[in-house]
C-alpha atoms as a PDB file:
ATOM      1  CA  MET A   1       0.081   0.131   0.012  1.00  0.00           C
ATOM      2  CA  SER A   2       1.041   3.514  -0.734  1.00  0.00           C
ATOM      3  CA  TYR A   3       0.041   7.256   0.166  1.00  0.00           C
ATOM      4  CA  PHE A   4      -0.608  10.352  -1.524  1.00  0.00           C
ATOM      5  CA  PHE A   5      -1.243  13.903  -0.193  1.00  0.00           C
ATOM      6  CA  ASN A   6      -4.530  16.044  -0.588  1.00  0.00           C
ATOM      7  CA  PRO A   7      -2.910  18.878  -2.410  1.00  0.00           C
ATOM      8  CA  ARG A   8      -3.292  21.263   0.522  1.00  0.00           C
ATOM      9  CA  ALA A   9      -2.092  18.695   2.980  1.00  0.00           C
ATOM     10  CA  ARG A  10       1.268  18.648   0.616  1.00  0.00           C
ATOM     11  CA  VAL A  11       1.504  22.306   1.019  1.00  0.00           C
ATOM     12  CA  GLU A  12       1.360  22.155   4.820  1.00  0.00           C
ATOM     13  CA  HIS A  13       3.594  19.249   5.239  1.00  0.00           C
ATOM     14  CA  LEU A  14       6.220  21.229   3.195  1.00  0.00           C
ATOM     15  CA  GLU A  15       5.918  24.172   5.425  1.00  0.00           C
ATOM     16  CA  HIS A  16       6.406  22.117   8.301  1.00  0.00           C
ATOM     17  CA  VAL A  17       9.754  20.924   6.931  1.00  0.00           C
ATOM     18  CA  THR A  18      10.844  24.644   6.095  1.00  0.00           C
ATOM     19  CA  TYR A  19       9.597  25.974   9.594  1.00  0.00           C
ATOM     20  CA  TYR A  20      11.809  23.203  11.393  1.00  0.00           C
ATOM     21  CA  GLU A  21      14.999  23.383   9.285  1.00  0.00           C
ATOM     22  CA  SER A  22      14.734  27.221   9.738  1.00  0.00           C
ATOM     23  CA  ARG A  23      14.620  26.798  13.511  1.00  0.00           C
ATOM     24  CA  GLN A  24      17.709  24.268  13.532  1.00  0.00           C
ATOM     25  CA  PRO A  25      19.746  22.995  10.758  1.00  0.00           C
ATOM     26  CA  GLY A  26      18.613  19.075  10.355  1.00  0.00           C
ATOM     27  CA  LEU A  27      15.491  19.310  12.218  1.00  0.00           C
ATOM     28  CA  GLY A  28      13.410  19.449   9.266  1.00  0.00           C
ATOM     29  CA  VAL A  29      15.107  16.095   8.067  1.00  0.00           C
ATOM     30  CA  ARG A  30      14.445  14.762  11.598  1.00  0.00           C
ATOM     31  CA  TYR A  31      10.675  15.869  10.865  1.00  0.00           C
ATOM     32  CA  LEU A  32      10.681  14.358   7.387  1.00  0.00           C
ATOM     33  CA  ALA A  33      12.357  11.082   8.929  1.00  0.00           C
ATOM     34  CA  ALA A  34       9.528  10.719  11.583  1.00  0.00           C
ATOM     35  CA  PHE A  35       6.924  11.579   8.745  1.00  0.00           C
ATOM     36  CA  ASP A  36       8.175   8.660   6.575  1.00  0.00           C
ATOM     37  CA  ALA A  37       8.621   6.144   9.422  1.00  0.00           C
ATOM     38  CA  ALA A  38       4.878   6.982  10.569  1.00  0.00           C
ATOM     39  CA  MET A  39       3.380   6.651   7.110  1.00  0.00           C
ATOM     40  CA  THR A  40       5.349   3.279   6.681  1.00  0.00           C
ATOM     41  CA  LYS A  41       3.360   2.106   9.728  1.00  0.00           C
ATOM     42  CA  VAL A  42       0.335   3.381   8.612  1.00  0.00           C
ATOM     43  CA  CYS A  43       0.559   1.880   5.183  1.00  0.00           C
ATOM     44  CA  ALA A  44       1.235  -1.350   6.654  1.00  0.00           C
ATOM     45  CA  ALA A  45      -1.896  -1.260   8.818  1.00  0.00           C
ATOM     46  CA  PRO A  46      -4.104   1.613   8.132  1.00  0.00           C
ATOM     47  CA  LEU A  47      -7.169   0.131   9.759  1.00  0.00           C
ATOM     48  CA  ARG A  48      -5.342  -0.372  13.150  1.00  0.00           C
ATOM     49  CA  TYR A  49      -5.457   3.349  14.129  1.00  0.00           C
ATOM     50  CA  LYS A  50      -8.305   5.172  15.784  1.00  0.00           C
ATOM     51  CA  VAL A  51     -11.246   6.514  13.684  1.00  0.00           C
ATOM     52  CA  GLU A  52     -11.193  10.218  14.524  1.00  0.00           C
ATOM     53  CA  PHE A  53     -14.040  11.484  12.402  1.00  0.00           C
ATOM     54  CA  PRO A  54     -16.615   8.725  11.526  1.00  0.00           C
ATOM     55  CA  PRO A  55     -16.948   7.015   9.283  1.00  0.00           C
ATOM     56  CA  ASP A  56     -13.449   6.631   7.895  1.00  0.00           C
ATOM     57  CA  ILE A  57     -11.022   9.504   8.859  1.00  0.00           C
ATOM     58  CA  ARG A  58      -8.293   7.991  11.124  1.00  0.00           C
ATOM     59  CA  ARG A  59      -5.436   9.296  13.393  1.00  0.00           C
ATOM     60  CA  TYR A  60      -1.862   8.749  13.634  1.00  0.00           C
ATOM     61  CA  ARG A  61      -0.102  11.006  16.354  1.00  0.00           C
ATOM     62  CA  LEU A  62       3.450  11.692  14.733  1.00  0.00           C
ATOM     63  CA  PRO A  63       6.114  10.871  17.435  1.00  0.00           C
ATOM     64  CA  GLY A  64       8.459  13.696  18.476  1.00  0.00           C
ATOM     65  CA  PHE A  65       6.588  16.492  16.683  1.00  0.00           C
ATOM     66  CA  PRO A  66       3.166  17.961  17.877  1.00  0.00           C
ATOM     67  CA  TYR A  67       1.280  16.679  14.791  1.00  0.00           C
ATOM     68  CA  ASN A  68      -1.554  14.509  13.920  1.00  0.00           C
ATOM     69  CA  ILE A  69      -1.566  12.889  10.603  1.00  0.00           C
ATOM     70  CA  LEU A  70      -5.369  12.524   9.723  1.00  0.00           C
ATOM     71  CA  TYR A  71      -5.928  10.157   6.769  1.00  0.00           C
ATOM     72  CA  ARG A  72      -8.303   7.593   4.916  1.00  0.00           C
ATOM     73  CA  LEU A  73      -8.562   4.874   2.727  1.00  0.00           C
ATOM     74  CA  VAL A  74      -9.065   5.596  -0.958  1.00  0.00           C
ATOM     75  CA  GLY A  75      -9.277   2.537  -2.861  1.00  0.00           C
ATOM     76  CA  ALA A  76      -6.072   0.602  -2.015  1.00  0.00           C
ATOM     77  CA  ASP A  77      -4.139   3.858  -1.046  1.00  0.00           C
ATOM     78  CA  VAL A  78      -3.911   6.270   2.095  1.00  0.00           C
ATOM     79  CA  GLU A  79      -4.731   9.792   1.534  1.00  0.00           C
ATOM     80  CA  VAL A  80      -3.096  12.294   3.748  1.00  0.00           C
ATOM     81  CA  LEU A  81      -5.840  14.705   4.423  1.00  0.00           C
ATOM     82  CA  VAL A  82      -3.826  16.869   6.902  1.00  0.00           C
ATOM     83  CA  VAL A  83      -0.794  16.969   9.249  1.00  0.00           C
ATOM     84  CA  ALA A  84      -2.513  18.839  11.903  1.00  0.00           C
ATOM     85  CA  PRO A  85      -0.887  20.597  14.868  1.00  0.00           C
ATOM     86  CA  HIS A  86      -2.386  19.593  18.237  1.00  0.00           C
ATOM     87  CA  ARG A  87      -3.464  23.045  19.014  1.00  0.00           C
ATOM     88  CA  ARG A  88      -4.747  24.490  16.045  1.00  0.00           C
ATOM     89  CA  ARG A  89      -8.453  24.883  15.696  1.00  0.00           C
ATOM     90  CA  PRO A  90      -9.509  21.129  15.222  1.00  0.00           C
ATOM     91  CA  ASP A  91     -11.679  21.174  12.108  1.00  0.00           C
ATOM     92  CA  TYR A  92     -10.077  23.604   9.805  1.00  0.00           C
ATOM     93  CA  TRP A  93      -9.333  21.067   7.238  1.00  0.00           C
ATOM     94  CA  ARG A  94     -12.498  19.427   7.116  1.00  0.00           C
ATOM     95  CA  ASP A  95     -13.694  20.932   3.684  1.00  0.00           C
ATOM     96  CA  ARG A  96     -10.853  18.545   2.122  1.00  0.00           C
ATOM     97  CA  VAL A  97     -13.186  15.603   2.453  1.00  0.00           C
END
């Protein structure tokens, strides 16, 4: 199984990389490594993680960073809807569904 980004989620994801790299060289790379490891786990067992928004939007908490990856299955792939900060308004991304 593989994953793909909702176009707006991709932009946010890249903004996170840029932000962390600007704060400390190498931190953006660490964020990317954590994200890649998370998506490897999600793609290996996408139904394992909690349904956050019924009926089918699931959440994976990104270890080491203050983000939740919200995703859903689309056919045989995982669509990343948002890499949402824990403290941002919770439903700002809902129009992506």
